[in-house]
Amino acid sequence: MKRVNRDVVVIGAGPAGLAAAISASQAGARDVTIIERDEELGGILKQCIHNGFGLHYFGEELTGPEYAERFIKKFNTLKNVDVKLNTMVLDINNNKEILVSSKKDGIYYIRAKSVVLAMGARERTRGAIAIPGTRPAGIMTAGTAQRLVNIEGLMIGKKVFILGSGDIGMIMARRLTWEGAKVEGVAEIMPYPTGLTRNRVQCLEDNSIPLYLGHTITEIKGDKRIKSVMVSRVDERKRPILKDKWETECDTLLLSVGLIPENELSRKINIKLSKTGGPIVDEARQTSMPGIFAGGNVLQIHDMVDNVSRESEIAGENAAFFAMNELQEESKIEVRNGEYIRYVVPNYISASRGVEFYMRSTQPLGRADLIIKESGKRFPIRYVTPAEMIVKRVRVKDLLFARETGSMTFALERIEK
């Protein structure tokens, strides 16, 4: 079977893959290849025609396709990169040999010196959350609806209900309202929205779409097409209160109940996974498998594509250094999550340079201090909610203590009004 050798191989050509490939090229990798199963570059951004992208990365507000085009243009100017479109990754092994298949080139191996995982994430479906009831047509994820409406030009329904207050769901609530559909409401099992505050305000409140916090769907009704759903309030343990329920008519149900990092390939080669559902990584975004790096939603679910790009640039740059035998191996200091912190990325650091940490809270706290427990260093955070990523860059001088302790722990402390 044919084998092709490459310095750096990036799996996925969405915002993470493009940023990683560009960064690897600019860092000096001799050749960089992107493998993409779709027919064009850009990933999910192609169907995100709303604005709100690029404010942090480019300093201006762009739509998803506009944001992707900035990276595609830069990618196309580079001489040492290429892309394999309509190409599926079938397998990967510990030697970084990637088995791929394409209609054009058939089945063959790409042997890489280093690999960047940039496959993104997938949506949870009805099967993942086990909603009881019949199985009629008209039930789909919010991302599927977004593609059908924005790419295919199809109208998916006239009376819509949405389960989950994820960002794509709220954005599609607005989009469908503008297209003439009646969005009956959004039910969210948590006592707070799980998407960004700006989407709750701009998509739901500005369009008078009801948001039912602490509610879920307990039954789907319909024969060939969905006709209605039963919506129930839940108790503090997220169990439906069956006496407190009501029925709403709808011909379409959208599910916006969270994303899952695409890590089937990671599991194939026994890469250690973290609380994010993605790989455990160090500050170079190297996984537990030397020479394999990860960035973007395959590592952790981001709320802004700007951070996907920035994080994936770190992965791409260090993948290039590894391929050139220039990545320095340093002792690793464990980063832990303490009170009110669900997870922290990266999981290990060297404390030899400043590091940008990403983390999420376990519950809304409002104003709070982010604390490094071992040193007592505090950073004020204006507004803390699980929906919005906490991104904090810590200078090297505030990390020096970790060389002695061998670990550092982040925690949150609520600031009382």
Protein backbone atom coordinates (compact mmCIF):
# COMPACT_ATOMS: atom_id res chain seq x y z
CA MET A 1 0.00 0.00 0.00
CA LYS A 2 1.21 3.50 -0.84
CA ARG A 3 2.83 5.52 1.96
CA VAL A 4 3.38 9.29 1.95
CA ASN A 5 5.69 11.05 4.42
CA ARG A 6 4.88 14.45 5.93
CA ASP A 7 6.30 16.61 8.70
CA VAL A 8 2.95 17.72 10.16
CA VAL A 9 -0.51 16.31 9.45
CA VAL A 10 -3.58 18.20 10.65
CA ILE A 11 -6.85 16.28 10.84
CA GLY A 12 -9.75 18.65 10.16
CA ALA A 13 -10.00 21.85 8.08
CA GLY A 14 -12.33 23.92 10.22
CA PRO A 15 -11.19 26.96 12.23
CA ALA A 16 -8.93 24.80 14.43
CA GLY A 17 -7.32 22.89 11.58
CA LEU A 18 -6.69 25.96 9.43
CA ALA A 19 -5.11 27.89 12.31
CA ALA A 20 -2.95 24.90 13.28
CA ALA A 21 -1.75 24.29 9.70
CA ILE A 22 -0.88 27.95 9.13
CA SER A 23 0.95 28.14 12.46
CA ALA A 24 2.90 24.93 11.75
CA SER A 25 3.96 26.25 8.36
CA GLN A 26 5.05 29.60 9.76
CA ALA A 27 6.99 27.86 12.56
CA GLY A 28 9.19 26.14 9.96
CA ALA A 29 7.65 22.75 9.23
CA ARG A 30 8.96 21.50 5.89
CA ASP A 31 5.55 20.31 4.71
CA VAL A 32 2.08 20.39 6.25
CA THR A 33 -0.97 18.43 5.09
CA ILE A 34 -4.59 18.96 6.15
CA ILE A 35 -6.95 15.99 5.87
CA GLU A 36 -10.60 17.03 5.50
CA ARG A 37 -13.62 14.77 4.91
CA ASP A 38 -15.73 17.61 3.46
CA GLU A 39 -15.40 19.01 -0.07
CA GLU A 40 -14.10 22.42 1.02
CA LEU A 41 -12.22 24.22 3.76
CA GLY A 42 -13.92 26.07 6.62
CA GLY A 43 -15.78 23.43 8.60
CA ILE A 44 -18.83 24.53 10.57
CA LEU A 45 -18.10 28.20 9.91
CA LYS A 46 -19.59 27.95 6.41
CA GLN A 47 -23.10 27.58 7.81
CA CYS A 48 -22.73 30.23 10.55
CA ILE A 49 -23.94 33.22 8.54
CA HIS A 50 -24.63 35.34 11.64
CA ASN A 51 -22.08 37.88 12.83
CA GLY A 52 -20.17 37.94 16.10
CA PHE A 53 -16.95 36.24 14.99
CA GLY A 54 -13.48 37.77 15.07
CA LEU A 55 -13.93 40.51 17.64
CA HIS A 56 -10.98 39.28 19.70
CA TYR A 57 -8.82 37.81 16.93
CA PHE A 58 -9.28 40.40 14.16
CA GLY A 59 -10.67 43.31 16.16
CA GLU A 60 -13.80 43.47 14.01
CA GLU A 61 -17.14 41.71 13.75
CA LEU A 62 -17.41 39.11 10.99
CA THR A 63 -19.80 36.37 9.90
CA GLY A 64 -18.66 32.75 10.07
CA PRO A 65 -17.88 32.51 6.32
CA GLU A 66 -15.99 35.83 6.46
CA TYR A 67 -13.93 34.60 9.41
CA ALA A 68 -13.12 31.34 7.62
CA GLU A 69 -12.18 33.18 4.43
CA ARG A 70 -9.50 35.17 6.27
CA PHE A 71 -7.75 31.92 7.21
CA ILE A 72 -8.36 30.23 3.85
CA LYS A 73 -6.74 33.14 2.01
CA LYS A 74 -3.69 33.00 4.29
CA PHE A 75 -3.51 29.21 3.92
CA ASN A 76 -3.59 29.49 0.13
CA THR A 77 -0.57 31.85 0.11
CA LEU A 78 1.69 29.30 1.81
CA LYS A 79 3.95 27.14 -0.36
CA ASN A 80 4.62 24.24 1.99
CA VAL A 81 1.01 23.26 2.75
CA ASP A 82 -1.53 21.13 0.94
CA VAL A 83 -5.01 19.79 1.66
CA LYS A 84 -6.64 16.44 0.98
CA LEU A 85 -10.37 17.18 0.58
CA ASN A 86 -13.09 14.50 0.46
CA THR A 87 -10.67 12.33 2.41
CA MET A 88 -11.64 10.21 5.42
CA VAL A 89 -9.31 9.12 8.19
CA LEU A 90 -9.95 5.41 8.69
CA ASP A 91 -7.34 4.66 11.33
CA ILE A 92 -4.30 5.96 13.16
CA ASN A 93 -1.62 4.10 15.11
CA ASN A 94 0.99 4.91 17.75
CA ASN A 95 3.63 5.45 15.05
CA LYS A 96 1.57 8.35 13.69
CA GLU A 97 0.68 6.41 10.54
CA ILE A 98 -2.71 7.60 9.32
CA LEU A 99 -4.81 5.38 7.07
CA VAL A 100 -6.94 7.53 4.77
CA SER A 101 -9.41 6.94 1.96
CA SER A 102 -10.49 9.22 -0.88
CA LYS A 103 -12.31 8.75 -4.17
CA LYS A 104 -9.42 10.40 -5.99
CA ASP A 105 -6.42 8.62 -4.44
CA GLY A 106 -7.90 5.46 -2.95
CA ILE A 107 -6.70 4.02 0.36
CA TYR A 108 -3.17 4.80 1.51
CA TYR A 109 -1.05 5.72 4.52
CA ILE A 110 0.31 9.13 5.49
CA ARG A 111 3.25 8.80 7.87
CA ALA A 112 3.66 11.97 9.97
CA LYS A 113 6.38 13.18 12.28
CA SER A 114 3.68 14.97 14.27
CA VAL A 115 -0.10 15.16 14.17
CA VAL A 116 -2.60 17.83 15.20
CA LEU A 117 -6.07 16.62 16.14
CA ALA A 118 -8.55 19.29 15.01
CA MET A 119 -11.72 17.31 14.33
CA GLY A 120 -14.03 19.59 16.29
CA ALA A 121 -17.13 18.28 18.03
CA ARG A 122 -20.49 16.71 17.30
CA GLU A 123 -23.92 17.47 18.71
CA ARG A 124 -25.76 15.30 21.20
CA THR A 125 -28.75 13.66 19.56
CA ARG A 126 -32.09 12.43 20.86
CA GLY A 127 -30.58 9.01 21.50
CA ALA A 128 -27.96 10.55 23.79
CA ILE A 129 -30.57 12.15 26.07
CA ALA A 130 -33.28 9.47 25.76
CA ILE A 131 -36.47 11.51 25.32
CA PRO A 132 -39.46 9.15 25.53
CA GLY A 133 -42.30 9.08 23.02
CA THR A 134 -42.84 8.25 19.36
CA ARG A 135 -40.20 8.65 16.64
CA PRO A 136 -41.77 10.95 14.03
CA ALA A 137 -40.07 13.16 11.47
CA GLY A 138 -39.24 16.76 12.36
CA ILE A 139 -36.71 16.12 15.16
CA MET A 140 -33.15 17.27 14.49
CA THR A 141 -30.14 18.90 16.10
CA ALA A 142 -29.82 22.68 15.92
CA GLY A 143 -26.66 22.34 13.81
CA THR A 144 -28.47 20.18 11.26
CA ALA A 145 -31.23 22.77 11.08
CA GLN A 146 -28.63 25.50 10.62
CA ARG A 147 -27.11 23.69 7.65
CA LEU A 148 -30.49 22.97 6.05
CA VAL A 149 -31.64 26.59 6.35
CA ASN A 150 -28.40 28.47 5.70
CA ILE A 151 -26.67 26.18 3.18
CA GLU A 152 -29.46 24.19 1.52
CA GLY A 153 -32.05 26.99 1.60
CA LEU A 154 -34.76 24.77 3.11
CA MET A 155 -37.41 25.80 5.62
CA ILE A 156 -37.57 23.08 8.25
CA GLY A 157 -40.93 23.90 9.87
CA LYS A 158 -43.55 26.46 10.80
CA LYS A 159 -44.03 25.85 14.54
CA VAL A 160 -40.77 25.07 16.32
CA PHE A 161 -39.83 24.16 19.87
CA ILE A 162 -36.22 24.00 21.05
CA LEU A 163 -34.77 21.83 23.81
CA GLY A 164 -31.60 23.28 25.30
CA SER A 165 -30.29 26.84 25.44
CA GLY A 166 -26.97 26.17 23.70
CA ASP A 167 -25.69 28.93 21.44
CA ILE A 168 -26.62 27.24 18.15
CA GLY A 169 -30.15 26.62 19.41
CA MET A 170 -30.68 30.24 20.44
CA ILE A 171 -29.18 31.51 17.19
CA MET A 172 -31.50 29.24 15.20
CA ALA A 173 -34.47 30.45 17.24
CA ARG A 174 -33.77 33.93 15.93
CA ARG A 175 -32.99 32.74 12.40
CA LEU A 176 -36.23 30.76 12.09
CA THR A 177 -38.26 33.65 13.53
CA TRP A 178 -36.81 35.97 10.89
CA GLU A 179 -37.73 33.39 8.22
CA GLY A 180 -41.36 33.43 9.34
CA ALA A 181 -41.57 30.43 11.65
CA LYS A 182 -43.17 30.61 15.08
CA VAL A 183 -40.72 29.53 17.78
CA GLU A 184 -42.94 28.43 20.65
CA GLY A 185 -40.18 28.47 23.23
CA VAL A 186 -36.87 27.12 24.51
CA ALA A 187 -36.73 24.66 27.42
CA GLU A 188 -33.52 24.39 29.45
CA ILE A 189 -33.07 21.75 32.17
CA MET A 190 -30.49 23.85 34.05
CA PRO A 191 -31.58 26.83 36.20
CA TYR A 192 -29.48 29.11 34.00
CA PRO A 193 -28.89 29.45 30.21
CA THR A 194 -26.05 27.29 28.88
CA GLY A 195 -25.25 29.65 25.98
CA LEU A 196 -23.70 33.11 25.89
CA THR A 197 -25.56 36.00 27.51
CA ARG A 198 -25.42 38.01 24.28
CA ASN A 199 -27.26 35.22 22.44
CA ARG A 200 -29.92 35.00 25.13
CA VAL A 201 -30.53 38.73 24.82
CA GLN A 202 -30.15 39.22 21.06
CA CYS A 203 -31.77 35.97 19.93
CA LEU A 204 -34.45 35.22 22.50
CA GLU A 205 -35.35 38.37 24.41
CA ASP A 206 -35.16 40.72 21.41
CA ASN A 207 -37.50 38.40 19.50
CA SER A 208 -39.89 37.72 22.41
CA ILE A 209 -39.10 33.99 22.47
CA PRO A 210 -39.89 32.41 25.87
CA LEU A 211 -37.05 30.69 27.77
CA TYR A 212 -38.21 28.09 30.30
CA LEU A 213 -35.36 27.50 32.74
CA GLY A 214 -35.55 24.37 34.88
CA HIS A 215 -37.68 22.57 32.30
CA THR A 216 -37.27 19.59 29.97
CA ILE A 217 -39.26 17.58 27.44
CA THR A 218 -40.77 14.40 28.85
CA GLU A 219 -42.68 13.15 25.82
CA ILE A 220 -42.80 13.55 22.05
CA LYS A 221 -46.12 13.01 20.29
CA GLY A 222 -46.85 12.46 16.62
CA ASP A 223 -47.18 9.76 13.98
CA LYS A 224 -45.46 10.58 10.67
CA ARG A 225 -44.58 14.13 11.79
CA ILE A 226 -44.12 15.49 15.28
CA LYS A 227 -47.33 17.17 16.51
CA SER A 228 -46.51 18.27 20.05
CA VAL A 229 -44.21 17.88 23.03
CA MET A 230 -44.86 17.62 26.76
CA VAL A 231 -42.76 20.10 28.74
CA SER A 232 -42.18 19.47 32.46
CA ARG A 233 -40.58 21.43 35.23
CA VAL A 234 -37.67 19.64 36.93
CA ASP A 235 -36.68 19.51 40.58
CA GLU A 236 -33.26 20.34 42.06
CA ARG A 237 -31.97 16.90 41.01
CA LYS A 238 -33.07 17.48 37.38
CA ARG A 239 -35.93 14.96 37.70
CA PRO A 240 -39.19 15.86 35.90
CA ILE A 241 -42.09 16.94 38.10
CA LEU A 242 -44.80 15.11 36.18
CA LYS A 243 -47.61 16.99 37.89
CA ASP A 244 -46.13 20.26 36.65
CA LYS A 245 -46.23 19.83 32.87
CA TRP A 246 -47.89 21.25 29.80
CA GLU A 247 -48.26 20.44 26.12
CA THR A 248 -47.24 22.65 23.22
CA GLU A 249 -47.99 22.06 19.56
CA CYS A 250 -45.06 22.03 17.14
CA ASP A 251 -44.11 20.46 13.82
CA THR A 252 -40.36 20.68 14.49
CA LEU A 253 -38.19 20.01 17.54
CA LEU A 254 -34.58 21.24 17.61
CA LEU A 255 -32.09 19.79 20.07
CA SER A 256 -29.39 22.11 21.40
CA VAL A 257 -28.21 20.04 24.34
CA GLY A 258 -24.44 20.26 24.11
CA LEU A 259 -21.45 19.26 22.05
CA ILE A 260 -19.15 16.26 22.42
CA PRO A 261 -15.49 16.46 21.34
CA GLU A 262 -14.78 14.09 18.42
CA ASN A 263 -12.25 11.78 20.04
CA GLU A 264 -12.74 8.37 18.44
CA LEU A 265 -9.25 8.66 16.94
CA SER A 266 -7.81 9.61 20.33
CA ARG A 267 -9.30 6.50 21.88
CA LYS A 268 -7.88 4.30 19.12
CA ILE A 269 -4.35 5.04 20.29
CA ASN A 270 -5.21 5.25 24.00
CA ILE A 271 -4.65 8.98 24.43
CA LYS A 272 -5.63 9.95 27.97
CA LEU A 273 -8.81 12.04 28.12
CA SER A 274 -9.75 14.72 30.64
CA LYS A 275 -12.92 16.12 32.20
CA THR A 276 -13.51 18.15 29.03
CA GLY A 277 -14.06 14.99 26.98
CA GLY A 278 -10.91 15.88 25.07
CA PRO A 279 -7.26 14.86 25.57
CA ILE A 280 -5.14 15.75 28.56
CA VAL A 281 -2.53 18.22 27.25
CA ASP A 282 0.45 20.25 28.39
CA GLU A 283 1.02 23.93 27.61
CA ALA A 284 2.29 23.00 24.12
CA ARG A 285 -1.09 21.24 23.59
CA GLN A 286 0.76 17.94 23.31
CA THR A 287 -1.35 14.96 24.38
CA SER A 288 -0.20 11.97 26.41
CA MET A 289 1.04 10.49 23.12
CA PRO A 290 4.34 12.24 22.16
CA GLY A 291 4.07 14.02 18.84
CA ILE A 292 0.27 14.19 18.83
CA PHE A 293 -1.24 17.57 19.63
CA ALA A 294 -4.83 18.85 19.93
CA GLY A 295 -6.60 22.18 19.61
CA GLY A 296 -10.09 23.67 19.44
CA ASN A 297 -13.33 21.86 20.21
CA VAL A 298 -11.72 18.43 20.01
CA LEU A 299 -9.84 19.47 23.15
CA GLN A 300 -12.51 21.51 24.94
CA ILE A 301 -15.81 23.06 23.89
CA HIS A 302 -15.21 26.76 23.28
CA ASP A 303 -17.80 29.51 23.25
CA MET A 304 -15.83 31.72 20.81
CA VAL A 305 -14.10 30.71 17.59
CA ASP A 306 -11.43 33.34 18.27
CA ASN A 307 -10.14 31.18 21.14
CA VAL A 308 -10.35 28.06 18.97
CA SER A 309 -7.93 29.73 16.54
CA ARG A 310 -5.55 30.98 19.23
CA GLU A 311 -5.38 27.63 20.98
CA SER A 312 -4.90 25.72 17.72
CA GLU A 313 -2.05 28.00 16.73
CA ILE A 314 -0.26 26.83 19.87
CA ALA A 315 -0.83 23.20 18.85
CA GLY A 316 0.32 23.79 15.26
CA GLU A 317 3.45 25.69 16.22
CA ASN A 318 4.57 23.05 18.69
CA ALA A 319 3.76 20.23 16.29
CA ALA A 320 6.21 21.88 13.88
CA PHE A 321 8.85 22.16 16.62
CA PHE A 322 8.38 18.46 17.44
CA ALA A 323 8.76 17.48 13.77
CA MET A 324 12.02 19.46 13.65
CA ASN A 325 13.23 17.98 16.97
CA GLU A 326 13.11 21.43 18.56
CA LEU A 327 10.37 20.93 21.16
CA GLN A 328 11.95 21.11 24.58
CA GLU A 329 10.92 18.42 27.04
CA GLU A 330 10.50 19.91 30.50
CA SER A 331 9.26 18.64 33.85
CA LYS A 332 5.50 18.85 33.98
CA ILE A 333 3.62 20.53 36.80
CA GLU A 334 0.03 19.38 37.27
CA VAL A 335 -2.75 21.98 37.07
CA ARG A 336 -5.79 21.13 39.19
CA ASN A 337 -9.33 22.43 39.53
CA GLY A 338 -10.58 23.51 42.94
CA GLU A 339 -13.80 25.05 44.25
CA TYR A 340 -16.34 26.06 41.57
CA ILE A 341 -13.95 25.11 38.71
CA ARG A 342 -15.07 22.24 36.48
CA TYR A 343 -11.82 21.89 34.53
CA VAL A 344 -8.64 23.72 33.53
CA VAL A 345 -6.69 23.54 30.25
CA PRO A 346 -3.75 22.94 29.95
CA ASN A 347 -3.44 20.11 32.45
CA TYR A 348 0.36 20.38 32.79
CA ILE A 349 2.81 23.29 32.57
CA SER A 350 6.54 23.87 32.93
CA ALA A 351 6.36 27.22 34.80
CA SER A 352 9.16 28.49 32.55
CA ARG A 353 6.92 30.90 30.61
CA GLY A 354 3.60 32.69 30.90
CA VAL A 355 0.56 30.53 30.14
CA GLU A 356 -2.98 31.27 28.99
CA PHE A 357 -5.38 29.08 30.97
CA TYR A 358 -8.91 28.14 29.92
CA MET A 359 -11.48 27.02 32.48
CA ARG A 360 -15.20 26.83 33.19
CA SER A 361 -17.11 27.33 36.42
CA THR A 362 -19.51 24.77 37.85
CA GLN A 363 -22.26 27.32 38.52
CA PRO A 364 -23.10 31.02 38.12
CA LEU A 365 -21.29 33.16 40.67
CA GLY A 366 -21.54 36.71 39.37
CA ARG A 367 -18.51 38.71 40.50
CA ALA A 368 -15.74 36.46 41.77
CA ASP A 369 -12.03 36.17 42.35
CA LEU A 370 -10.01 33.56 40.52
CA ILE A 371 -7.45 32.24 43.01
CA ILE A 372 -4.25 30.23 42.68
CA LYS A 373 -4.55 28.41 45.97
CA GLU A 374 -0.88 27.54 46.53
CA SER A 375 0.32 31.12 46.10
CA GLY A 376 -2.77 33.07 47.10
CA LYS A 377 -2.62 35.13 43.90
CA ARG A 378 -6.04 36.61 43.01
CA PHE A 379 -7.51 37.79 39.72
CA PRO A 380 -10.89 39.59 39.74
CA ILE A 381 -13.50 38.23 37.30
CA ARG A 382 -16.38 40.58 36.57
CA TYR A 383 -19.00 37.93 35.75
CA VAL A 384 -18.78 34.15 36.17
CA THR A 385 -21.22 31.72 34.54
CA PRO A 386 -20.68 28.17 33.19
CA ALA A 387 -21.76 29.32 29.72
CA GLU A 388 -18.77 31.65 29.32
CA MET A 389 -15.19 30.44 29.26
CA ILE A 390 -12.78 32.01 31.75
CA VAL A 391 -9.56 32.82 29.90
CA LYS A 392 -6.71 34.04 32.07
CA ARG A 393 -3.09 34.59 31.09
CA VAL A 394 -0.76 34.17 34.06
CA ARG A 395 2.71 35.67 33.91
CA VAL A 396 5.75 33.53 34.53
CA LYS A 397 6.59 35.38 37.75
CA ASP A 398 3.23 34.25 39.18
CA LEU A 399 4.01 30.63 38.28
CA LEU A 400 7.45 30.28 39.83
CA PHE A 401 6.04 28.88 43.08
CA ALA A 402 4.81 25.81 41.15
CA ARG A 403 8.39 24.62 40.58
CA GLU A 404 8.60 23.93 44.31
CA THR A 405 5.06 22.70 44.94
CA GLY A 406 4.88 20.55 41.80
CA SER A 407 1.26 21.53 41.25
CA MET A 408 -1.09 24.50 41.13
CA THR A 409 -4.81 24.70 41.81
CA PHE A 410 -7.33 27.21 40.47
CA ALA A 411 -10.45 28.01 42.48
CA LEU A 412 -13.20 30.63 42.42
CA GLU A 413 -14.44 32.68 45.36
CA ARG A 414 -17.71 34.57 45.10
CA ILE A 415 -17.56 38.30 45.85
CA GLU A 416 -20.62 39.17 47.89
CA LYS A 417 -22.48 42.34 46.92
